[in-house]
Protein backbone atom coordinates (compact mmCIF):
# COMPACT_ATOMS: atom_id res chain seq x y z
CA MET A 1 -20.92 16.82 -32.51
CA VAL A 2 -18.47 18.57 -30.01
CA PHE A 3 -18.90 22.49 -28.53
CA SER A 4 -15.28 22.72 -29.47
CA THR A 5 -15.15 22.14 -32.98
CA PRO A 6 -14.95 24.41 -35.88
CA ILE A 7 -18.15 22.94 -37.43
CA PHE A 8 -20.23 23.14 -34.21
CA LEU A 9 -18.64 27.05 -33.74
CA TYR A 10 -18.76 28.18 -36.99
CA GLY A 11 -21.77 26.33 -38.24
CA PHE A 12 -23.87 24.55 -36.36
CA LEU A 13 -24.50 27.12 -33.23
CA PRO A 14 -25.05 30.69 -35.58
CA LEU A 15 -27.78 28.67 -37.95
CA VAL A 16 -29.83 27.39 -35.01
CA LEU A 17 -29.26 30.69 -32.76
CA VAL A 18 -30.65 32.50 -36.62
CA VAL A 19 -33.58 30.16 -37.31
CA TYR A 20 -34.42 29.83 -33.41
CA TYR A 21 -34.75 33.73 -33.16
CA LEU A 22 -36.57 34.25 -36.38
CA THR A 23 -39.01 31.22 -35.58
CA PRO A 24 -42.56 32.08 -33.45
CA ARG A 25 -42.22 31.23 -29.36
CA ALA A 26 -44.54 28.75 -30.03
CA ALA A 27 -42.44 26.46 -32.84
CA ARG A 28 -39.27 27.15 -30.76
CA ASN A 29 -39.41 24.13 -28.32
CA GLY A 30 -39.94 22.43 -31.74
CA TRP A 31 -37.08 23.81 -33.62
CA LEU A 32 -34.67 23.01 -30.43
CA VAL A 33 -36.14 19.52 -30.69
CA VAL A 34 -35.25 18.86 -34.37
CA VAL A 35 -31.93 20.33 -34.07
CA SER A 36 -30.92 18.85 -30.78
CA TYR A 37 -31.67 15.39 -32.67
CA PHE A 38 -29.45 16.41 -35.01
CA PHE A 39 -26.92 17.30 -32.70
CA TYR A 40 -27.28 13.70 -31.18
CA GLY A 41 -27.41 11.84 -34.39
CA TRP A 42 -23.99 13.71 -36.24
CA GLY A 43 -22.11 10.58 -34.87
CA ASN A 44 -24.50 7.57 -35.50
CA PRO A 45 -27.79 8.54 -36.34
CA LEU A 46 -29.07 5.15 -35.31
CA TYR A 47 -28.88 6.00 -31.74
CA VAL A 48 -31.12 8.62 -32.36
CA PHE A 49 -34.09 5.89 -32.04
CA LEU A 50 -32.88 5.09 -28.66
CA LEU A 51 -33.20 8.67 -27.58
CA LEU A 52 -36.53 9.01 -29.30
CA PHE A 53 -37.44 5.56 -27.26
CA SER A 54 -37.10 6.60 -24.25
CA THR A 55 -38.80 10.14 -24.63
CA ILE A 56 -42.10 8.24 -26.01
CA LEU A 57 -42.00 5.47 -23.17
CA ASP A 58 -41.79 8.07 -20.33
CA TYR A 59 -44.00 10.79 -21.55
CA PHE A 60 -46.95 7.95 -22.09
CA CYS A 61 -45.77 6.11 -18.66
CA ALA A 62 -46.20 9.51 -16.97
CA LEU A 63 -49.13 10.68 -18.42
CA GLY A 64 -50.72 6.58 -17.67
CA MET A 65 -49.72 7.64 -13.78
CA GLN A 66 -51.89 10.86 -13.80
CA LYS A 67 -54.38 9.01 -14.65
CA GLY A 68 -54.24 5.24 -12.88
CA GLY A 69 -54.65 4.03 -9.51
CA ALA A 70 -52.14 2.93 -6.87
CA ARG A 71 -51.23 -0.41 -8.72
CA ALA A 72 -51.50 0.68 -12.62
CA ARG A 73 -48.89 3.67 -11.59
CA ARG A 74 -46.42 1.19 -9.89
CA LEU A 75 -46.59 -1.00 -13.17
CA LEU A 76 -45.89 2.05 -15.11
CA LEU A 77 -43.41 3.14 -13.19
CA LEU A 78 -41.77 -0.38 -13.49
CA ALA A 79 -41.91 -0.02 -17.09
CA SER A 80 -40.13 2.77 -17.21
CA LEU A 81 -37.67 2.08 -14.94
CA ALA A 82 -37.17 -1.54 -17.24
CA GLY A 83 -37.34 0.39 -20.18
CA ASN A 84 -34.64 2.63 -19.57
CA LEU A 85 -32.36 0.77 -17.60
CA GLY A 86 -32.54 -2.23 -20.11
CA ILE A 87 -31.27 -0.13 -22.88
CA LEU A 88 -28.38 1.16 -20.41
CA ALA A 89 -27.36 -2.42 -19.19
CA PHE A 90 -27.51 -3.56 -22.91
CA PHE A 91 -25.44 -1.18 -24.16
CA LYS A 92 -22.78 -0.15 -21.12
CA TYR A 93 -22.77 -3.37 -19.02
CA SER A 94 -23.28 -6.54 -21.13
CA GLY A 95 -20.04 -6.64 -22.42
CA PHE A 96 -18.61 -6.44 -18.95
CA LEU A 97 -20.83 -9.01 -17.69
CA ALA A 98 -20.44 -11.35 -19.90
CA ARG A 99 -16.61 -11.17 -19.82
CA THR A 100 -16.74 -11.12 -16.24
CA ALA A 101 -19.07 -13.98 -15.96
CA HIS A 102 -16.81 -16.10 -18.33
CA GLU A 103 -13.21 -15.11 -16.48
CA LEU A 104 -14.32 -15.69 -12.86
CA SER A 105 -16.71 -18.93 -13.11
CA GLY A 106 -15.88 -20.22 -16.67
CA ILE A 107 -19.85 -20.45 -17.14
CA PRO A 108 -19.82 -22.61 -20.79
CA GLY A 109 -20.89 -20.19 -23.35
CA ALA A 110 -20.33 -17.15 -21.93
CA GLU A 111 -17.08 -16.43 -24.35
CA THR A 112 -19.78 -16.01 -26.92
CA LEU A 113 -20.93 -13.33 -25.91
CA ALA A 114 -17.90 -11.40 -25.83
CA TRP A 115 -19.10 -9.63 -28.89
CA LEU A 116 -21.39 -7.78 -26.39
CA GLY A 117 -18.20 -5.15 -25.65
CA SER A 118 -17.59 -4.43 -29.19
CA ILE A 119 -20.95 -2.29 -29.42
CA ALA A 120 -20.29 1.04 -29.48
CA LEU A 121 -21.70 3.18 -26.25
CA PRO A 122 -24.47 5.98 -27.31
CA LEU A 123 -23.31 9.15 -26.38
CA GLY A 124 -24.67 10.43 -23.27
CA ILE A 125 -26.86 7.55 -22.63
CA SER A 126 -25.93 7.19 -18.82
CA PHE A 127 -27.16 11.29 -18.76
CA TYR A 128 -30.38 11.34 -20.83
CA THR A 129 -31.65 7.74 -18.66
CA PHE A 130 -31.12 9.45 -15.49
CA GLN A 131 -32.82 12.07 -16.47
CA SER A 132 -35.61 11.21 -18.21
CA LEU A 133 -36.33 8.73 -15.49
CA SER A 134 -36.13 11.30 -12.74
CA TYR A 135 -39.19 12.61 -14.66
CA THR A 136 -41.34 9.49 -14.15
CA ILE A 137 -40.08 9.08 -10.56
CA ASP A 138 -41.19 12.95 -9.74
CA VAL A 139 -44.47 11.87 -11.23
CA TYR A 140 -44.90 8.98 -9.28
CA ARG A 141 -43.89 10.67 -6.33
CA GLY A 142 -46.55 13.21 -6.84
CA GLU A 143 -44.07 15.67 -6.86
CA ILE A 144 -44.83 17.15 -10.29
CA GLU A 145 -47.58 16.80 -12.47
CA PRO A 146 -47.18 15.44 -16.29
CA THR A 147 -46.73 17.47 -19.24
CA ARG A 148 -49.39 16.77 -22.14
CA ARG A 149 -46.83 18.68 -24.51
CA LEU A 150 -45.05 15.92 -25.99
CA VAL A 151 -42.91 18.32 -27.94
CA ASP A 152 -42.21 20.12 -24.75
CA PHE A 153 -41.37 16.97 -22.84
CA ALA A 154 -38.91 15.80 -26.15
CA ALA A 155 -37.07 19.35 -25.68
CA TYR A 156 -36.34 19.08 -21.97
CA VAL A 157 -34.65 15.10 -22.55
CA ALA A 158 -33.12 16.20 -25.84
CA LEU A 159 -32.19 19.86 -25.31
CA PHE A 160 -28.69 19.84 -27.10
CA PRO A 161 -26.75 21.66 -24.73
CA GLN A 162 -26.75 19.48 -21.74
CA LEU A 163 -27.67 16.07 -23.56
CA VAL A 164 -24.42 14.14 -23.66
CA ALA A 165 -22.51 15.09 -20.60
CA GLY A 166 -25.09 17.28 -18.65
CA PRO A 167 -25.68 18.84 -16.31
CA ILE A 168 -28.64 16.79 -15.20
CA VAL A 169 -31.71 18.24 -14.96
CA ARG A 170 -34.83 17.78 -13.07
CA TYR A 171 -38.21 18.47 -15.43
CA GLY A 172 -39.10 21.15 -12.34
CA GLN A 173 -36.43 23.01 -13.01
CA LEU A 174 -37.17 23.56 -16.49
CA ALA A 175 -40.95 23.18 -16.47
CA SER A 176 -41.82 26.82 -16.54
CA ALA A 177 -39.25 27.70 -19.31
CA LEU A 178 -40.29 24.56 -21.39
CA HIS A 179 -43.85 26.21 -21.16
CA SER A 180 -43.36 30.08 -21.69
CA ARG A 181 -40.01 31.88 -21.52
CA ARG A 182 -39.03 34.99 -22.28
CA GLU A 183 -35.38 35.36 -23.67
CA THR A 184 -33.51 38.81 -22.68
CA ARG A 185 -30.48 40.36 -24.23
CA ARG A 186 -28.51 40.47 -20.93
CA GLN A 187 -29.10 36.45 -20.47
CA PHE A 188 -27.70 36.00 -24.33
CA THR A 189 -24.92 38.17 -23.64
CA ASP A 190 -23.96 36.55 -19.85
CA GLY A 191 -24.56 33.45 -21.60
CA MET A 192 -21.73 33.98 -24.49
CA GLY A 193 -19.62 34.90 -21.51
CA ILE A 194 -20.10 31.82 -19.51
CA PHE A 195 -19.57 29.39 -22.71
CA ILE A 196 -16.28 31.63 -24.03
CA ILE A 197 -15.10 30.86 -19.85
CA GLY A 198 -16.24 27.17 -20.12
CA LEU A 199 -14.24 26.88 -23.90
CA ALA A 200 -11.24 28.39 -22.64
CA LYS A 201 -10.98 25.97 -19.92
CA LYS A 202 -11.32 23.21 -22.46
CA LEU A 203 -8.80 24.27 -25.14
CA LEU A 204 -6.50 26.02 -22.98
CA LEU A 205 -6.34 24.22 -19.47
CA ALA A 206 -7.91 20.76 -19.89
CA ASN A 207 -6.14 19.80 -23.28
CA PRO A 208 -2.82 20.93 -22.42
CA CYS A 209 -2.58 19.03 -18.54
CA GLY A 210 -4.49 15.72 -20.63
CA ALA A 211 -1.13 15.97 -22.79
CA ILE A 212 1.16 15.93 -19.91
CA ALA A 213 -1.03 13.33 -18.04
CA ASP A 214 -1.15 11.17 -21.35
CA ARG A 215 2.77 11.11 -21.51
CA ALA A 216 3.08 10.09 -17.67
CA PHE A 217 0.23 7.52 -17.92
CA SER A 218 1.48 5.81 -21.13
CA ALA A 219 5.35 6.06 -19.90
CA ALA A 220 7.34 2.91 -19.71
CA GLU A 221 9.74 4.55 -17.19
CA LEU A 222 8.75 6.89 -14.32
CA ASP A 223 10.07 8.46 -11.18
CA ALA A 224 8.03 9.84 -8.52
CA PHE A 225 8.59 13.55 -9.14
CA ALA A 226 7.53 12.88 -12.79
CA ALA A 227 4.36 10.30 -11.92
CA TRP A 228 2.97 12.78 -9.04
CA THR A 229 3.26 15.76 -11.95
CA GLY A 230 1.31 13.52 -14.35
CA LEU A 231 -1.33 12.72 -11.49
CA PHE A 232 -1.69 16.49 -10.84
CA ALA A 233 -2.15 17.16 -14.37
CA TYR A 234 -4.99 14.28 -14.73
CA SER A 235 -6.35 16.11 -11.96
CA PHE A 236 -6.67 19.37 -13.45
CA GLN A 237 -7.64 17.74 -16.38
CA ILE A 238 -10.51 16.23 -15.59
CA TYR A 239 -11.55 19.02 -13.68
CA PHE A 240 -11.52 21.64 -16.35
CA ASP A 241 -12.82 19.14 -19.13
CA PHE A 242 -15.84 18.57 -17.33
CA SER A 243 -16.19 21.62 -15.56
CA GLY A 244 -15.62 23.90 -18.57
CA TYR A 245 -18.27 21.44 -20.56
CA SER A 246 -21.14 21.99 -17.84
CA GLU A 247 -20.28 25.92 -18.30
CA MET A 248 -20.29 25.66 -21.94
CA ALA A 249 -24.03 23.88 -21.59
CA ILE A 250 -25.11 26.43 -18.90
CA GLY A 251 -24.37 29.25 -21.09
CA LEU A 252 -25.72 27.77 -24.24
CA GLY A 253 -28.81 27.41 -22.62
CA MET A 254 -28.70 30.58 -21.25
CA MET A 255 -28.69 31.99 -25.31
CA PHE A 256 -31.78 29.74 -25.60
CA GLY A 257 -33.48 31.56 -22.35
CA PHE A 258 -32.92 28.29 -20.27
CA SER A 259 -31.51 28.33 -16.72
CA LEU A 260 -29.52 25.01 -16.35
CA PRO A 261 -28.34 24.17 -12.84
CA VAL A 262 -24.35 24.92 -11.79
CA ASN A 263 -22.79 21.54 -11.70
CA PHE A 264 -19.15 22.52 -10.00
CA ARG A 265 -18.52 24.69 -6.92
CA ALA A 266 -14.83 25.24 -6.86
CA PRO A 267 -14.62 21.21 -5.72
CA TYR A 268 -10.57 21.23 -5.14
CA ARG A 269 -11.29 23.94 -2.55
CA ALA A 270 -13.20 21.40 -0.74
CA GLY A 271 -11.67 20.41 2.50
CA SER A 272 -13.14 16.91 2.98
CA LEU A 273 -14.57 14.52 0.95
CA ARG A 274 -17.61 15.08 1.76
CA GLU A 275 -17.46 18.62 1.00
CA PHE A 276 -15.99 17.59 -2.48
CA TRP A 277 -19.05 15.73 -3.44
CA ARG A 278 -21.23 18.87 -2.78
CA ARG A 279 -19.32 20.66 -4.81
CA TRP A 280 -18.14 18.16 -7.82
CA HIS A 281 -20.64 17.12 -10.42
CA ILE A 282 -23.45 18.51 -8.28
CA THR A 283 -26.34 17.33 -10.08
CA LEU A 284 -25.44 13.83 -10.19
CA GLY A 285 -24.45 14.01 -6.28
CA SER A 286 -28.40 15.45 -6.06
CA TRP A 287 -29.90 12.64 -8.35
CA VAL A 288 -28.13 9.88 -6.59
CA ARG A 289 -29.03 11.21 -3.20
CA ASP A 290 -32.65 11.64 -3.97
CA TYR A 291 -33.37 8.52 -5.91
CA LEU A 292 -30.87 6.07 -4.69
CA TYR A 293 -29.37 7.04 -1.35
CA ILE A 294 -32.53 8.20 0.63
CA PRO A 295 -34.51 5.58 -0.49
CA LEU A 296 -32.22 2.74 0.92
CA GLY A 297 -32.72 4.58 3.93
CA GLY A 298 -29.71 7.24 3.80
CA SER A 299 -28.07 8.03 7.19
CA ARG A 300 -31.14 6.18 8.89
CA GLY A 301 -31.09 3.49 11.08
CA SER A 302 -27.65 1.96 12.39
CA ARG A 303 -24.68 3.12 11.96
CA PRO A 304 -23.43 0.09 9.71
CA ARG A 305 -26.46 0.31 7.58
CA ALA A 306 -25.95 3.64 7.29
CA LEU A 307 -22.38 3.38 6.39
CA GLY A 308 -23.04 0.59 4.11
CA ASN A 309 -25.29 2.33 2.11
CA LEU A 310 -22.69 5.18 1.57
CA VAL A 311 -20.38 2.77 -0.19
CA LEU A 312 -23.31 0.96 -1.94
CA VAL A 313 -23.90 4.37 -3.55
CA MET A 314 -20.45 5.46 -4.30
CA LEU A 315 -20.04 1.72 -5.76
CA LEU A 316 -23.19 2.16 -8.16
CA VAL A 317 -21.73 5.94 -9.11
CA GLY A 318 -18.30 4.17 -9.83
CA LEU A 319 -20.46 1.76 -11.97
CA TRP A 320 -22.50 4.65 -13.27
CA HIS A 321 -19.31 6.21 -15.39
CA GLY A 322 -18.05 2.99 -16.90
CA ALA A 323 -18.50 -0.66 -17.11
CA ALA A 324 -14.82 -1.91 -15.91
CA TRP A 325 -12.99 -3.16 -12.41
CA GLN A 326 -11.24 0.25 -12.00
CA PHE A 327 -14.83 2.24 -12.16
CA LEU A 328 -15.97 -0.03 -8.89
CA ALA A 329 -12.43 0.54 -7.58
CA TRP A 330 -12.94 4.13 -7.58
CA GLY A 331 -16.45 4.05 -6.15
CA ALA A 332 -15.44 1.96 -3.82
CA ILE A 333 -12.53 4.07 -2.78
CA HIS A 334 -14.71 7.19 -2.71
CA GLY A 335 -17.26 5.01 -0.41
CA ILE A 336 -14.47 3.48 2.00
CA LEU A 337 -12.94 7.31 2.58
CA LEU A 338 -16.41 8.68 3.14
CA ALA A 339 -17.32 6.25 5.81
CA LEU A 340 -14.40 6.29 7.62
CA GLU A 341 -14.47 10.27 7.39
CA ARG A 342 -18.37 9.77 9.18
CA LEU A 343 -16.77 7.69 11.47
CA ALA A 344 -13.83 9.83 12.42
CA ARG A 345 -16.57 13.06 12.51
CA PRO A 346 -17.27 13.03 16.21
CA LEU A 347 -13.68 13.16 17.00
CA GLY A 348 -13.46 16.76 15.59
CA LEU A 349 -9.91 15.35 14.18
CA GLY A 350 -10.60 17.45 10.80
CA ARG A 351 -11.49 20.46 12.96
CA ARG A 352 -7.83 20.37 14.42
CA LEU A 353 -6.22 20.96 11.20
CA PRO A 354 -5.39 24.26 9.47
CA PRO A 355 -7.67 24.80 6.46
CA LEU A 356 -4.79 25.13 3.78
CA LEU A 357 -4.07 21.56 5.25
CA ARG A 358 -7.24 20.13 5.34
CA VAL A 359 -8.04 21.14 1.39
CA ALA A 360 -4.26 20.06 0.31
CA LEU A 361 -5.20 16.63 2.05
CA THR A 362 -8.77 16.48 0.27
CA PHE A 363 -7.08 17.35 -2.85
CA SER A 364 -4.39 14.73 -2.99
CA ALA A 365 -6.65 12.00 -1.43
CA VAL A 366 -9.01 12.81 -4.78
CA SER A 367 -5.88 12.90 -6.89
CA LEU A 368 -4.80 9.42 -5.75
CA ALA A 369 -8.06 8.12 -6.15
CA TRP A 370 -8.06 9.54 -9.79
CA VAL A 371 -5.46 6.64 -10.67
CA VAL A 372 -8.00 3.71 -11.12
CA PHE A 373 -10.14 6.05 -12.82
CA ARG A 374 -7.28 7.02 -15.36
CA ALA A 375 -5.69 3.67 -15.50
CA ASP A 376 -6.68 1.05 -18.55
CA SER A 377 -6.71 -1.49 -15.91
CA LEU A 378 -6.37 -2.30 -12.15
CA SER A 379 -2.82 -3.73 -12.85
CA GLU A 380 -1.55 -0.21 -14.68
CA ALA A 381 -3.37 1.58 -11.39
CA GLY A 382 -1.09 -0.51 -9.37
CA GLN A 383 2.33 0.17 -11.22
CA TYR A 384 1.23 3.81 -11.41
CA TYR A 385 0.76 3.62 -7.60
CA ALA A 386 3.95 1.79 -7.20
CA ALA A 387 6.00 4.68 -9.31
CA LEU A 388 3.98 7.59 -6.88
CA PHE A 389 5.45 5.62 -3.88
CA GLY A 390 9.03 4.91 -5.56
CA ILE A 391 8.12 1.14 -4.62
CA ALA A 392 8.43 0.85 -8.67
CA GLU A 393 9.63 2.39 -12.08
CA HIS A 394 6.59 3.06 -14.30
CA GLY A 395 5.84 3.38 -18.05
CA GLY A 396 8.93 5.49 -22.05
CA PRO A 397 12.19 6.07 -21.12
CA ALA A 398 13.52 8.18 -18.20
CA TRP A 399 14.06 11.22 -20.50
CA TRP A 400 10.50 11.17 -20.53
CA ALA A 401 10.43 12.27 -17.13
CA ARG A 402 12.50 15.18 -17.30
CA GLU A 403 12.72 16.63 -20.75
CA LEU A 404 8.66 16.37 -21.45
CA LEU A 405 6.67 16.41 -17.86
CA VAL A 406 9.03 18.51 -16.28
CA SER A 407 9.71 21.01 -19.01
CA GLY A 408 8.84 24.70 -18.48
CA GLU A 409 5.91 24.64 -20.37
CA SER A 410 4.34 22.15 -18.76
CA ILE A 411 5.31 23.87 -15.50
CA LEU A 412 3.63 26.71 -17.30
CA VAL A 413 0.05 24.62 -17.37
CA LEU A 414 0.19 23.80 -14.68
CA LEU A 415 1.31 26.40 -12.61
CA VAL A 416 -1.90 28.82 -14.50
CA ALA A 417 -4.22 25.56 -13.66
CA ALA A 418 -3.45 25.79 -10.04
CA LEU A 419 -4.18 29.38 -10.12
CA VAL A 420 -7.65 29.23 -11.70
CA THR A 421 -8.43 26.07 -9.57
CA TRP A 422 -7.51 28.17 -6.56
CA ALA A 423 -7.85 31.42 -6.84
CA GLY A 424 -10.13 31.98 -9.81
CA ARG A 425 -13.85 33.25 -9.55
CA PRO A 426 -16.63 31.24 -10.66
CA ALA A 427 -17.64 31.65 -14.52
CA ALA A 428 -20.78 33.49 -13.56
CA GLY A 429 -19.56 35.69 -11.07
CA PHE A 430 -16.87 36.73 -13.51
CA VAL A 431 -19.46 37.55 -16.75
CA GLU A 432 -22.28 39.75 -14.15
CA GLY A 433 -19.65 41.97 -13.33
CA ALA A 434 -17.43 42.49 -16.31
CA GLY A 435 -17.32 46.03 -17.33
CA ARG A 436 -15.17 46.64 -20.21
CA ALA A 437 -11.80 45.44 -19.07
CA GLY A 438 -14.07 41.84 -17.99
CA TRP A 439 -14.93 41.44 -21.83
CA ALA A 440 -11.87 42.41 -23.33
CA ILE A 441 -10.49 39.61 -21.68
CA LEU A 442 -12.99 37.29 -22.55
CA THR A 443 -12.57 38.78 -25.97
CA ILE A 444 -8.64 37.33 -25.64
CA LEU A 445 -9.57 34.06 -24.00
CA PHE A 446 -12.27 33.57 -27.01
CA TRP A 447 -9.65 34.58 -29.98
CA LEU A 448 -6.61 32.05 -28.28
CA SER A 449 -9.04 29.23 -27.70
CA LEU A 450 -9.79 29.73 -31.71
CA VAL A 451 -6.34 29.42 -32.22
CA ALA A 452 -5.80 26.27 -29.66
CA MET A 453 -8.76 24.40 -31.61
CA ALA A 454 -7.30 25.44 -35.05
CA ALA A 455 -4.14 23.29 -33.91
CA GLN A 456 -5.99 20.44 -31.84
CA ASP A 457 -7.39 17.66 -33.04
CA GLY A 458 -11.14 16.73 -32.52
CA ASN A 459 -11.24 18.04 -28.99
CA PRO A 460 -13.31 15.65 -27.12
CA PHE A 461 -15.05 15.97 -23.97
CA LEU A 462 -13.98 13.23 -21.10
CA TYR A 463 -17.68 12.59 -19.85
CA TYR A 464 -18.81 12.21 -23.64
CA PHE A 465 -17.76 8.45 -22.83
CA PHE A 466 -19.93 7.93 -19.81
């Protein structure tokens, strides 16, 4: 089920809210578990059992760690890691590995496993796997106490606002709210406002930008100007799509009394790639830092090892996004650029540049990396790069570039997207300070979003597929 669809906005959400506030407080987590499993099983009910397996596995592993000795704790942690990562690897990576093994080495019989690539990827499996694993790892480290209430833990793992695309939440961030929370009218109305802003980002900005990007990446003949137009459109699309979802999730969480962590802080205003990753998909970045980068040694040790850790972690971040060479390439690009940036830091080159130029260069670098992320293959990415720099034409008839990509409507969409990106206020800040005029704007945005929703089809979020 998708937030930006009539069935969710007109049916699921109102019903869930009404029953939630009519339910005694002691039973509200149970109600959230029931509706979250229904929400998750809307597309494929069978995948609910995967979610249930991860929940039960990690619940009992964590309880066992509390009672067991050092050896038992290690074995239970390994069981949690093997169970969760094994399921993730089977559904997300087995087909890719089988195809790659056959193509690169010609291992006999590898081609017979190609059917693994046709298995549908369970929505949000990368997100809830990382979230559930963070719980058992934190219990193992002694940073949190395991909960004895299975319903509370199930609500933590399956909470529908952030189940399929984050933010990735640590148990310690929600423990007190899961145990005892007091929903307030102010929190509820602020949540509504943040949800509306996220909905507007998705329907009024991300989807129109996506239409421009789709035309560019599927075209057969594309000049450099149109290629850059399509690329910047995709940069805006993925930002507004994902940050819009995150704000909708945060707003929904507030309606039920939860404070979910912020996932984006104006990443395209960053003046370096290091700063970009402190602003983009913040909860994934903090997860990778705490559970991968630091355990690998982080920036400690020799410079080659520290840089190697950085590149390795970014390769894993790329692989987390998808089982394809282009995602690995995207991770490699960011890893190498981050390593080069770290090497250049003592020289102070960045500080000598004007702030606006640093922002422009960072945005351009991030956008160029999005090419391999968006392309269906590395060869397609290479063709698009060639079109960007005028080396070769890429992809529909030449009139697509002028008539469709650089039309008045497309320019207006991109100008509004740029204005919101570099001059807009954070959603929470706008809502908290919204008076009558602010709520009038939110009402108009909500109405325009509903009109756009009626005219658009499906409206899936990009990160649903990761």
